[in-house]
Amino acid sequence: MATLKAVNQVAIDELRRSNAKLDKAVDQLRVKTLTFIAAGFALLTYLYKDGNLFIPVELYGRIFYFVGLASILSALILFLLGLRPYPWMLTTEIKQLKKIPQRSENQYLEYVKGEYISCFEKNGATYEIKHRSFNLGFILLILGASILVVIKTFPGRVQSCYTGNGITCIVVSTKKEGMIQ
């Protein structure tokens, strides 16, 4: 039968591995966030490299344009907010180790186990905030990129006409100068 000391030691080892996995996940999320910030700025550079705002003439085109631009800018803001430093709790603080109130080895192992559990809960909540920010930013970046790339690539103008005998025609132009019928 396992002793309380052995059980606590195994629990501490498992909690140590869990905290290490969480630390690695936070580092990976930071790298992904930096990558998508660079991608967002690269996208904006591609879209506006010639200095043309390419705002469509039609009202619905303008609405889509500004929704796409707002999505990209919101994504970049969310990514930057996800990079800001959050308080990260460490399992054993030096101040705490200087004055250990426990008198036995089992009490100390219980104390360390409790510290690992509280750190994992607090750091896990911090990671969840960063992860949500990243996921929402990713969706907004894809949405905005899709809208603006389509508007820039296909700058067509749509015009409807009525011929008088009940026939409605739609004229689409992909040239900026004039309309093609």
N, C-alpha and C. Protein backbone atom coordinates (compact mmCIF):
# COMPACT_ATOMS: atom_id res chain seq x y z
N MET A 1 0.84 -1.17 0.00
CA MET A 1 0.00 0.00 0.00
C MET A 1 0.89 1.24 0.00
N ALA A 2 0.51 2.21 -0.81
CA ALA A 2 1.31 3.42 -0.95
C ALA A 2 1.14 4.33 0.27
N THR A 3 2.23 4.97 0.60
CA THR A 3 2.17 5.89 1.73
C THR A 3 1.69 7.26 1.25
N LEU A 4 1.30 8.08 2.19
CA LEU A 4 0.83 9.43 1.87
C LEU A 4 1.94 10.24 1.20
N LYS A 5 3.17 10.02 1.64
CA LYS A 5 4.32 10.72 1.06
C LYS A 5 4.48 10.35 -0.41
N ALA A 6 4.38 9.06 -0.74
CA ALA A 6 4.53 8.61 -2.13
C ALA A 6 3.40 9.15 -3.01
N VAL A 7 2.18 9.15 -2.48
CA VAL A 7 1.04 9.66 -3.24
C VAL A 7 1.22 11.16 -3.52
N ASN A 8 1.64 11.90 -2.51
CA ASN A 8 1.86 13.33 -2.69
C ASN A 8 2.97 13.60 -3.69
N GLN A 9 4.02 12.79 -3.65
CA GLN A 9 5.14 12.97 -4.58
C GLN A 9 4.69 12.72 -6.02
N VAL A 10 3.88 11.68 -6.24
CA VAL A 10 3.36 11.40 -7.58
C VAL A 10 2.44 12.53 -8.04
N ALA A 11 1.60 13.03 -7.14
CA ALA A 11 0.70 14.13 -7.48
C ALA A 11 1.49 15.38 -7.86
N ILE A 12 2.55 15.65 -7.12
CA ILE A 12 3.39 16.82 -7.43
C ILE A 12 4.06 16.66 -8.79
N ASP A 13 4.54 15.46 -9.09
CA ASP A 13 5.16 15.22 -10.40
C ASP A 13 4.15 15.44 -11.53
N GLU A 14 2.93 14.95 -11.36
CA GLU A 14 1.90 15.15 -12.38
C GLU A 14 1.56 16.63 -12.54
N LEU A 15 1.43 17.32 -11.43
CA LEU A 15 1.12 18.74 -11.49
C LEU A 15 2.27 19.53 -12.12
N ARG A 16 3.49 19.11 -11.87
CA ARG A 16 4.65 19.76 -12.48
C ARG A 16 4.61 19.59 -13.99
N ARG A 17 4.27 18.39 -14.46
CA ARG A 17 4.15 18.15 -15.90
C ARG A 17 3.02 18.99 -16.50
N SER A 18 1.90 19.07 -15.80
CA SER A 18 0.77 19.87 -16.29
C SER A 18 1.14 21.35 -16.40
N ASN A 19 1.85 21.86 -15.41
CA ASN A 19 2.29 23.25 -15.47
C ASN A 19 3.29 23.48 -16.60
N ALA A 20 4.16 22.50 -16.84
CA ALA A 20 5.11 22.62 -17.95
C ALA A 20 4.38 22.63 -19.29
N LYS A 21 3.35 21.79 -19.43
CA LYS A 21 2.55 21.79 -20.67
C LYS A 21 1.85 23.13 -20.86
N LEU A 22 1.33 23.69 -19.79
CA LEU A 22 0.66 24.98 -19.88
C LEU A 22 1.65 26.08 -20.27
N ASP A 23 2.84 26.05 -19.71
CA ASP A 23 3.87 27.02 -20.08
C ASP A 23 4.21 26.91 -21.56
N LYS A 24 4.34 25.68 -22.05
CA LYS A 24 4.65 25.47 -23.46
C LYS A 24 3.51 25.94 -24.35
N ALA A 25 2.27 25.70 -23.93
CA ALA A 25 1.11 26.14 -24.72
C ALA A 25 1.07 27.67 -24.80
N VAL A 26 1.40 28.34 -23.71
CA VAL A 26 1.42 29.81 -23.72
C VAL A 26 2.51 30.32 -24.66
N ASP A 27 3.67 29.69 -24.64
CA ASP A 27 4.75 30.09 -25.55
C ASP A 27 4.35 29.88 -27.01
N GLN A 28 3.72 28.75 -27.31
CA GLN A 28 3.28 28.49 -28.68
C GLN A 28 2.21 29.49 -29.11
N LEU A 29 1.31 29.84 -28.22
CA LEU A 29 0.28 30.82 -28.54
C LEU A 29 0.91 32.18 -28.80
N ARG A 30 1.93 32.54 -28.07
CA ARG A 30 2.63 33.81 -28.29
C ARG A 30 3.27 33.83 -29.67
N VAL A 31 3.89 32.74 -30.07
CA VAL A 31 4.51 32.67 -31.40
C VAL A 31 3.44 32.77 -32.49
N LYS A 32 2.33 32.05 -32.33
CA LYS A 32 1.25 32.13 -33.31
C LYS A 32 0.69 33.55 -33.40
N THR A 33 0.53 34.18 -32.27
CA THR A 33 -0.01 35.54 -32.26
C THR A 33 0.92 36.50 -32.98
N LEU A 34 2.21 36.41 -32.73
CA LEU A 34 3.17 37.26 -33.44
C LEU A 34 3.15 36.99 -34.93
N THR A 35 2.99 35.73 -35.31
CA THR A 35 2.92 35.38 -36.73
C THR A 35 1.70 36.00 -37.38
N PHE A 36 0.56 35.95 -36.71
CA PHE A 36 -0.65 36.51 -37.30
C PHE A 36 -0.64 38.04 -37.28
N ILE A 37 0.05 38.65 -36.34
CA ILE A 37 0.22 40.11 -36.39
C ILE A 37 1.02 40.48 -37.64
N ALA A 38 2.09 39.75 -37.88
CA ALA A 38 2.89 40.00 -39.08
C ALA A 38 2.07 39.75 -40.34
N ALA A 39 1.24 38.71 -40.33
CA ALA A 39 0.39 38.43 -41.50
C ALA A 39 -0.63 39.54 -41.72
N GLY A 40 -1.19 40.07 -40.65
CA GLY A 40 -2.14 41.17 -40.78
C GLY A 40 -1.51 42.41 -41.37
N PHE A 41 -0.31 42.75 -40.91
CA PHE A 41 0.38 43.90 -41.47
C PHE A 41 0.82 43.64 -42.91
N ALA A 42 1.21 42.42 -43.22
CA ALA A 42 1.56 42.08 -44.60
C ALA A 42 0.34 42.20 -45.51
N LEU A 43 -0.82 41.77 -45.03
CA LEU A 43 -2.06 41.90 -45.79
C LEU A 43 -2.39 43.37 -46.04
N LEU A 44 -2.30 44.19 -45.01
CA LEU A 44 -2.57 45.62 -45.18
C LEU A 44 -1.57 46.25 -46.15
N THR A 45 -0.32 45.82 -46.10
CA THR A 45 0.68 46.33 -47.03
C THR A 45 0.33 45.93 -48.46
N TYR A 46 -0.08 44.69 -48.67
CA TYR A 46 -0.49 44.24 -50.00
C TYR A 46 -1.69 45.03 -50.51
N LEU A 47 -2.67 45.23 -49.66
CA LEU A 47 -3.89 45.90 -50.09
C LEU A 47 -3.68 47.36 -50.43
N TYR A 48 -2.83 48.03 -49.69
CA TYR A 48 -2.69 49.48 -49.85
C TYR A 48 -1.31 49.90 -50.35
N LYS A 49 -0.59 49.01 -51.00
CA LYS A 49 0.77 49.32 -51.45
C LYS A 49 0.81 50.41 -52.52
N ASP A 50 -0.24 50.51 -53.34
CA ASP A 50 -0.25 51.52 -54.39
C ASP A 50 -0.88 52.83 -53.95
N GLY A 51 -1.28 52.93 -52.70
CA GLY A 51 -1.85 54.16 -52.17
C GLY A 51 -3.32 54.36 -52.51
N ASN A 52 -3.93 53.40 -53.15
CA ASN A 52 -5.34 53.49 -53.53
C ASN A 52 -6.19 52.85 -52.45
N LEU A 53 -7.22 53.55 -52.01
CA LEU A 53 -8.09 53.00 -50.97
C LEU A 53 -9.11 52.01 -51.54
N PHE A 54 -9.33 52.01 -52.83
CA PHE A 54 -10.25 51.14 -53.57
C PHE A 54 -11.62 51.00 -52.91
N ILE A 55 -12.16 52.12 -52.44
CA ILE A 55 -13.50 52.10 -51.83
C ILE A 55 -14.52 52.01 -52.96
N PRO A 56 -15.39 51.03 -52.94
CA PRO A 56 -16.38 50.88 -54.02
C PRO A 56 -17.36 52.05 -54.07
N VAL A 57 -17.97 52.23 -55.23
CA VAL A 57 -18.92 53.31 -55.44
C VAL A 57 -20.28 52.95 -54.82
N GLU A 58 -20.68 51.72 -54.95
CA GLU A 58 -22.00 51.29 -54.48
C GLU A 58 -22.05 51.30 -52.95
N LEU A 59 -23.24 51.53 -52.42
CA LEU A 59 -23.42 51.59 -50.97
C LEU A 59 -23.09 50.24 -50.32
N TYR A 60 -23.59 49.15 -50.90
CA TYR A 60 -23.31 47.84 -50.31
C TYR A 60 -21.83 47.51 -50.38
N GLY A 61 -21.17 47.98 -51.43
CA GLY A 61 -19.73 47.77 -51.54
C GLY A 61 -18.97 48.53 -50.47
N ARG A 62 -19.42 49.74 -50.19
CA ARG A 62 -18.79 50.53 -49.12
C ARG A 62 -19.00 49.86 -47.76
N ILE A 63 -20.21 49.35 -47.56
CA ILE A 63 -20.49 48.68 -46.28
C ILE A 63 -19.57 47.47 -46.11
N PHE A 64 -19.47 46.65 -47.16
CA PHE A 64 -18.57 45.49 -47.08
C PHE A 64 -17.12 45.92 -46.89
N TYR A 65 -16.72 46.98 -47.59
CA TYR A 65 -15.35 47.47 -47.48
C TYR A 65 -15.03 47.84 -46.03
N PHE A 66 -15.90 48.63 -45.42
CA PHE A 66 -15.62 49.08 -44.06
C PHE A 66 -15.77 47.95 -43.04
N VAL A 67 -16.65 46.99 -43.30
CA VAL A 67 -16.73 45.81 -42.43
C VAL A 67 -15.42 45.01 -42.51
N GLY A 68 -14.90 44.83 -43.72
CA GLY A 68 -13.64 44.11 -43.90
C GLY A 68 -12.47 44.82 -43.24
N LEU A 69 -12.40 46.14 -43.44
CA LEU A 69 -11.31 46.90 -42.84
C LEU A 69 -11.41 46.90 -41.31
N ALA A 70 -12.63 47.06 -40.79
CA ALA A 70 -12.82 47.02 -39.34
C ALA A 70 -12.47 45.64 -38.78
N SER A 71 -12.77 44.58 -39.53
CA SER A 71 -12.43 43.23 -39.07
C SER A 71 -10.93 43.05 -38.95
N ILE A 72 -10.19 43.50 -39.95
CA ILE A 72 -8.73 43.35 -39.91
C ILE A 72 -8.14 44.17 -38.77
N LEU A 73 -8.58 45.41 -38.63
CA LEU A 73 -8.04 46.25 -37.56
C LEU A 73 -8.42 45.70 -36.18
N SER A 74 -9.64 45.18 -36.05
CA SER A 74 -10.05 44.57 -34.78
C SER A 74 -9.21 43.34 -34.47
N ALA A 75 -8.92 42.55 -35.49
CA ALA A 75 -8.09 41.36 -35.29
C ALA A 75 -6.70 41.75 -34.80
N LEU A 76 -6.12 42.78 -35.41
CA LEU A 76 -4.79 43.21 -34.97
C LEU A 76 -4.83 43.72 -33.52
N ILE A 77 -5.89 44.43 -33.16
CA ILE A 77 -6.01 44.91 -31.78
C ILE A 77 -6.14 43.73 -30.82
N LEU A 78 -6.95 42.73 -31.19
CA LEU A 78 -7.09 41.55 -30.32
C LEU A 78 -5.78 40.79 -30.18
N PHE A 79 -5.04 40.68 -31.28
CA PHE A 79 -3.74 40.00 -31.20
C PHE A 79 -2.79 40.77 -30.27
N LEU A 80 -2.78 42.09 -30.39
CA LEU A 80 -1.90 42.88 -29.52
C LEU A 80 -2.34 42.79 -28.06
N LEU A 81 -3.65 42.77 -27.82
CA LEU A 81 -4.13 42.60 -26.45
C LEU A 81 -3.75 41.22 -25.90
N GLY A 82 -3.73 40.22 -26.77
CA GLY A 82 -3.34 38.88 -26.33
C GLY A 82 -1.86 38.79 -25.99
N LEU A 83 -1.06 39.70 -26.52
CA LEU A 83 0.38 39.69 -26.22
C LEU A 83 0.74 40.45 -24.96
N ARG A 84 -0.19 41.25 -24.47
CA ARG A 84 0.16 42.04 -23.29
C ARG A 84 0.47 41.11 -22.11
N PRO A 85 1.34 41.55 -21.23
CA PRO A 85 1.72 40.68 -20.12
C PRO A 85 0.60 40.54 -19.09
N TYR A 86 0.38 39.33 -18.69
CA TYR A 86 -0.57 39.02 -17.63
C TYR A 86 0.23 38.51 -16.44
N PRO A 87 -0.29 38.66 -15.24
CA PRO A 87 0.43 38.11 -14.08
C PRO A 87 0.50 36.59 -14.16
N TRP A 88 1.69 36.07 -14.09
CA TRP A 88 1.91 34.63 -14.20
C TRP A 88 2.44 34.14 -12.86
N MET A 89 1.73 33.24 -12.25
CA MET A 89 2.07 32.77 -10.91
C MET A 89 3.09 31.64 -10.99
N LEU A 90 4.07 31.70 -10.13
CA LEU A 90 5.07 30.64 -10.05
C LEU A 90 4.76 29.76 -8.84
N THR A 91 5.14 28.50 -8.94
CA THR A 91 4.75 27.56 -7.89
C THR A 91 5.47 27.80 -6.58
N THR A 92 6.75 28.02 -6.64
CA THR A 92 7.49 28.22 -5.40
C THR A 92 8.18 29.58 -5.46
N GLU A 93 7.73 30.49 -4.67
CA GLU A 93 8.34 31.80 -4.57
C GLU A 93 9.47 31.74 -3.54
N ILE A 94 10.52 32.48 -3.76
CA ILE A 94 11.67 32.45 -2.86
C ILE A 94 11.28 32.96 -1.47
N LYS A 95 10.42 33.99 -1.43
CA LYS A 95 9.99 34.51 -0.12
C LYS A 95 9.27 33.43 0.69
N GLN A 96 8.49 32.61 -0.01
CA GLN A 96 7.75 31.57 0.69
C GLN A 96 8.67 30.44 1.14
N LEU A 97 9.69 30.15 0.36
CA LEU A 97 10.60 29.07 0.73
C LEU A 97 11.49 29.43 1.92
N LYS A 98 11.70 30.73 2.14
CA LYS A 98 12.54 31.13 3.27
C LYS A 98 11.86 30.84 4.60
N LYS A 99 10.54 30.91 4.62
CA LYS A 99 9.82 30.66 5.88
C LYS A 99 8.78 29.57 5.65
N ILE A 100 9.20 28.36 5.78
CA ILE A 100 8.30 27.22 5.58
C ILE A 100 7.65 26.90 6.93
N PRO A 101 6.32 27.05 7.01
CA PRO A 101 5.65 26.82 8.29
C PRO A 101 5.42 25.33 8.60
N GLN A 102 5.61 24.46 7.62
CA GLN A 102 5.33 23.05 7.83
C GLN A 102 6.46 22.41 8.65
N ARG A 103 6.07 21.51 9.51
CA ARG A 103 7.04 20.87 10.38
C ARG A 103 7.44 19.47 9.91
N SER A 104 6.63 18.85 9.08
CA SER A 104 6.97 17.49 8.63
C SER A 104 7.06 17.47 7.10
N GLU A 105 7.64 16.39 6.62
CA GLU A 105 7.80 16.23 5.17
C GLU A 105 6.46 16.11 4.47
N ASN A 106 5.52 15.39 5.06
CA ASN A 106 4.18 15.25 4.46
C ASN A 106 3.45 16.59 4.40
N GLN A 107 3.59 17.40 5.45
CA GLN A 107 2.95 18.72 5.43
C GLN A 107 3.55 19.59 4.33
N TYR A 108 4.87 19.49 4.16
CA TYR A 108 5.52 20.27 3.11
C TYR A 108 5.06 19.81 1.73
N LEU A 109 4.95 18.50 1.52
CA LEU A 109 4.47 17.99 0.23
C LEU A 109 3.04 18.44 -0.04
N GLU A 110 2.20 18.45 0.98
CA GLU A 110 0.83 18.95 0.84
C GLU A 110 0.84 20.43 0.46
N TYR A 111 1.74 21.18 1.08
CA TYR A 111 1.86 22.61 0.78
C TYR A 111 2.28 22.82 -0.68
N VAL A 112 3.28 22.09 -1.14
CA VAL A 112 3.75 22.23 -2.52
C VAL A 112 2.65 21.81 -3.50
N LYS A 113 1.95 20.73 -3.18
CA LYS A 113 0.84 20.28 -4.04
C LYS A 113 -0.23 21.37 -4.13
N GLY A 114 -0.56 21.98 -3.02
CA GLY A 114 -1.54 23.07 -3.02
C GLY A 114 -1.08 24.26 -3.84
N GLU A 115 0.22 24.57 -3.77
CA GLU A 115 0.76 25.67 -4.58
C GLU A 115 0.66 25.37 -6.07
N TYR A 116 0.98 24.14 -6.46
CA TYR A 116 0.87 23.76 -7.87
C TYR A 116 -0.57 23.86 -8.36
N ILE A 117 -1.50 23.42 -7.54
CA ILE A 117 -2.91 23.46 -7.94
C ILE A 117 -3.38 24.90 -8.09
N SER A 118 -3.05 25.76 -7.15
CA SER A 118 -3.49 27.16 -7.25
C SER A 118 -2.82 27.86 -8.43
N CYS A 119 -1.55 27.55 -8.70
CA CYS A 119 -0.87 28.14 -9.86
C CYS A 119 -1.51 27.68 -11.16
N PHE A 120 -1.82 26.40 -11.24
CA PHE A 120 -2.42 25.87 -12.47
C PHE A 120 -3.78 26.51 -12.72
N GLU A 121 -4.57 26.68 -11.68
CA GLU A 121 -5.89 27.30 -11.86
C GLU A 121 -5.76 28.74 -12.32
N LYS A 122 -4.88 29.51 -11.70
CA LYS A 122 -4.72 30.92 -12.06
C LYS A 122 -4.10 31.07 -13.44
N ASN A 123 -3.05 30.32 -13.71
CA ASN A 123 -2.39 30.42 -15.01
C ASN A 123 -3.27 29.86 -16.13
N GLY A 124 -4.06 28.84 -15.82
CA GLY A 124 -5.00 28.31 -16.81
C GLY A 124 -6.05 29.34 -17.20
N ALA A 125 -6.52 30.11 -16.24
CA ALA A 125 -7.49 31.17 -16.54
C ALA A 125 -6.85 32.25 -17.40
N THR A 126 -5.60 32.58 -17.12
CA THR A 126 -4.88 33.57 -17.93
C THR A 126 -4.70 33.06 -19.36
N TYR A 127 -4.34 31.80 -19.50
CA TYR A 127 -4.18 31.21 -20.83
C TYR A 127 -5.50 31.22 -21.59
N GLU A 128 -6.58 30.95 -20.91
CA GLU A 128 -7.90 30.93 -21.55
C GLU A 128 -8.25 32.31 -22.13
N ILE A 129 -7.93 33.37 -21.41
CA ILE A 129 -8.17 34.73 -21.91
C ILE A 129 -7.37 34.97 -23.18
N LYS A 130 -6.10 34.61 -23.16
CA LYS A 130 -5.24 34.80 -24.33
C LYS A 130 -5.72 33.95 -25.50
N HIS A 131 -6.14 32.75 -25.24
CA HIS A 131 -6.58 31.84 -26.29
C HIS A 131 -7.87 32.35 -26.94
N ARG A 132 -8.81 32.83 -26.15
CA ARG A 132 -10.05 33.39 -26.71
C ARG A 132 -9.76 34.60 -27.58
N SER A 133 -8.86 35.45 -27.12
CA SER A 133 -8.48 36.63 -27.89
C SER A 133 -7.87 36.21 -29.22
N PHE A 134 -7.02 35.20 -29.20
CA PHE A 134 -6.40 34.71 -30.43
C PHE A 134 -7.44 34.13 -31.39
N ASN A 135 -8.34 33.30 -30.88
CA ASN A 135 -9.34 32.67 -31.75
C ASN A 135 -10.25 33.70 -32.40
N LEU A 136 -10.71 34.67 -31.64
CA LEU A 136 -11.58 35.70 -32.21
C LEU A 136 -10.81 36.55 -33.22
N GLY A 137 -9.57 36.88 -32.91
CA GLY A 137 -8.73 37.64 -33.84
C GLY A 137 -8.49 36.89 -35.13
N PHE A 138 -8.29 35.59 -35.04
CA PHE A 138 -8.09 34.77 -36.24
C PHE A 138 -9.32 34.80 -37.15
N ILE A 139 -10.49 34.64 -36.56
CA ILE A 139 -11.73 34.66 -37.35
C ILE A 139 -11.92 36.02 -38.01
N LEU A 140 -11.69 37.10 -37.25
CA LEU A 140 -11.85 38.44 -37.81
C LEU A 140 -10.83 38.72 -38.92
N LEU A 141 -9.61 38.23 -38.75
CA LEU A 141 -8.59 38.44 -39.78
C LEU A 141 -8.96 37.73 -41.07
N ILE A 142 -9.41 36.50 -40.98
CA ILE A 142 -9.82 35.76 -42.17
C ILE A 142 -11.01 36.42 -42.84
N LEU A 143 -11.99 36.84 -42.06
CA LEU A 143 -13.18 37.50 -42.61
C LEU A 143 -12.80 38.79 -43.33
N GLY A 144 -12.03 39.64 -42.67
CA GLY A 144 -11.63 40.90 -43.27
C GLY A 144 -10.76 40.71 -44.50
N ALA A 145 -9.83 39.76 -44.43
CA ALA A 145 -8.97 39.50 -45.58
C ALA A 145 -9.78 39.02 -46.77
N SER A 146 -10.72 38.13 -46.53
CA SER A 146 -11.55 37.61 -47.62
C SER A 146 -12.33 38.74 -48.29
N ILE A 147 -12.95 39.58 -47.49
CA ILE A 147 -13.76 40.66 -48.05
C ILE A 147 -12.90 41.64 -48.84
N LEU A 148 -11.80 42.10 -48.25
CA LEU A 148 -11.01 43.13 -48.91
C LEU A 148 -10.25 42.62 -50.12
N VAL A 149 -9.79 41.39 -50.08
CA VAL A 149 -9.10 40.84 -51.25
C VAL A 149 -10.07 40.69 -52.42
N VAL A 150 -11.29 40.25 -52.14
CA VAL A 150 -12.29 40.14 -53.22
C VAL A 150 -12.61 41.52 -53.78
N ILE A 151 -12.80 42.51 -52.92
CA ILE A 151 -13.12 43.86 -53.41
C ILE A 151 -11.96 44.43 -54.22
N LYS A 152 -10.73 44.21 -53.77
CA LYS A 152 -9.58 44.74 -54.51
C LYS A 152 -9.36 44.00 -55.82
N THR A 153 -9.54 42.69 -55.80
CA THR A 153 -9.27 41.89 -57.00
C THR A 153 -10.34 42.08 -58.06
N PHE A 154 -11.58 42.19 -57.66
CA PHE A 154 -12.70 42.33 -58.60
C PHE A 154 -13.42 43.65 -58.36
N PRO A 155 -12.85 44.75 -58.86
CA PRO A 155 -13.46 46.06 -58.58
C PRO A 155 -14.60 46.38 -59.54
N GLY A 156 -15.48 45.44 -59.76
CA GLY A 156 -16.57 45.64 -60.72
C GLY A 156 -17.61 46.62 -60.22
N ARG A 157 -18.32 47.17 -61.18
CA ARG A 157 -19.41 48.06 -60.86
C ARG A 157 -20.68 47.43 -61.40
N VAL A 158 -21.69 47.45 -60.60
CA VAL A 158 -22.96 46.87 -61.00
C VAL A 158 -23.94 48.00 -61.23
N GLN A 159 -24.64 47.92 -62.35
CA GLN A 159 -25.61 48.94 -62.68
C GLN A 159 -26.84 48.24 -63.24
N SER A 160 -27.99 48.65 -62.80
CA SER A 160 -29.20 48.05 -63.35
C SER A 160 -29.88 49.05 -64.27
N CYS A 161 -30.57 48.52 -65.24
CA CYS A 161 -31.28 49.39 -66.16
C CYS A 161 -32.66 48.79 -66.43
N TYR A 162 -33.57 49.65 -66.82
CA TYR A 162 -34.92 49.21 -67.14
C TYR A 162 -35.18 49.62 -68.58
N THR A 163 -35.52 48.66 -69.43
CA THR A 163 -35.66 48.94 -70.86
C THR A 163 -37.03 49.50 -71.23
N GLY A 164 -37.98 49.43 -70.36
CA GLY A 164 -39.29 50.00 -70.67
C GLY A 164 -40.35 48.97 -70.94
N ASN A 165 -40.02 47.82 -71.50
CA ASN A 165 -41.02 46.79 -71.78
C ASN A 165 -40.95 45.67 -70.74
N GLY A 166 -40.69 46.03 -69.48
CA GLY A 166 -40.71 45.04 -68.41
C GLY A 166 -39.44 44.24 -68.27
N ILE A 167 -38.41 44.57 -69.01
CA ILE A 167 -37.15 43.82 -68.96
C ILE A 167 -36.14 44.63 -68.15
N THR A 168 -35.58 43.98 -67.16
CA THR A 168 -34.54 44.62 -66.36
C THR A 168 -33.22 43.96 -66.70
N CYS A 169 -32.22 44.77 -66.93
CA CYS A 169 -30.90 44.21 -67.24
C CYS A 169 -29.91 44.66 -66.18
N ILE A 170 -28.90 43.87 -66.00
CA ILE A 170 -27.82 44.20 -65.06
C ILE A 170 -26.53 44.28 -65.86
N VAL A 171 -25.84 45.37 -65.71
CA VAL A 171 -24.60 45.58 -66.42
C VAL A 171 -23.46 45.52 -65.41
N VAL A 172 -22.47 44.69 -65.70
CA VAL A 172 -21.33 44.54 -64.80
C VAL A 172 -20.09 44.96 -65.55
N SER A 173 -19.27 45.76 -64.90
CA SER A 173 -18.03 46.20 -65.50
C SER A 173 -16.89 45.84 -64.57
N THR A 174 -15.82 45.36 -65.14
CA THR A 174 -14.62 45.12 -64.34
C THR A 174 -13.57 46.17 -64.64
N LYS A 175 -13.86 47.09 -65.55
CA LYS A 175 -12.94 48.18 -65.83
C LYS A 175 -13.30 49.36 -64.95
N LYS A 176 -12.31 50.14 -64.58
CA LYS A 176 -12.58 51.29 -63.74
C LYS A 176 -13.06 52.48 -64.55
N GLU A 177 -12.72 52.54 -65.85
CA GLU A 177 -13.04 53.72 -66.65
C GLU A 177 -14.50 53.74 -67.09
N GLY A 178 -14.99 52.66 -67.62
CA GLY A 178 -16.32 52.68 -68.19
C GLY A 178 -17.07 51.40 -67.93
N MET A 179 -18.24 51.35 -68.47
CA MET A 179 -19.11 50.20 -68.28
C MET A 179 -19.09 49.36 -69.55
N ILE A 180 -19.09 48.05 -69.38
CA ILE A 180 -19.19 47.13 -70.51
C ILE A 180 -20.59 46.55 -70.48
N GLN A 181 -21.25 46.55 -71.64
CA GLN A 181 -22.61 46.00 -71.69
C GLN A 181 -22.61 44.65 -72.35
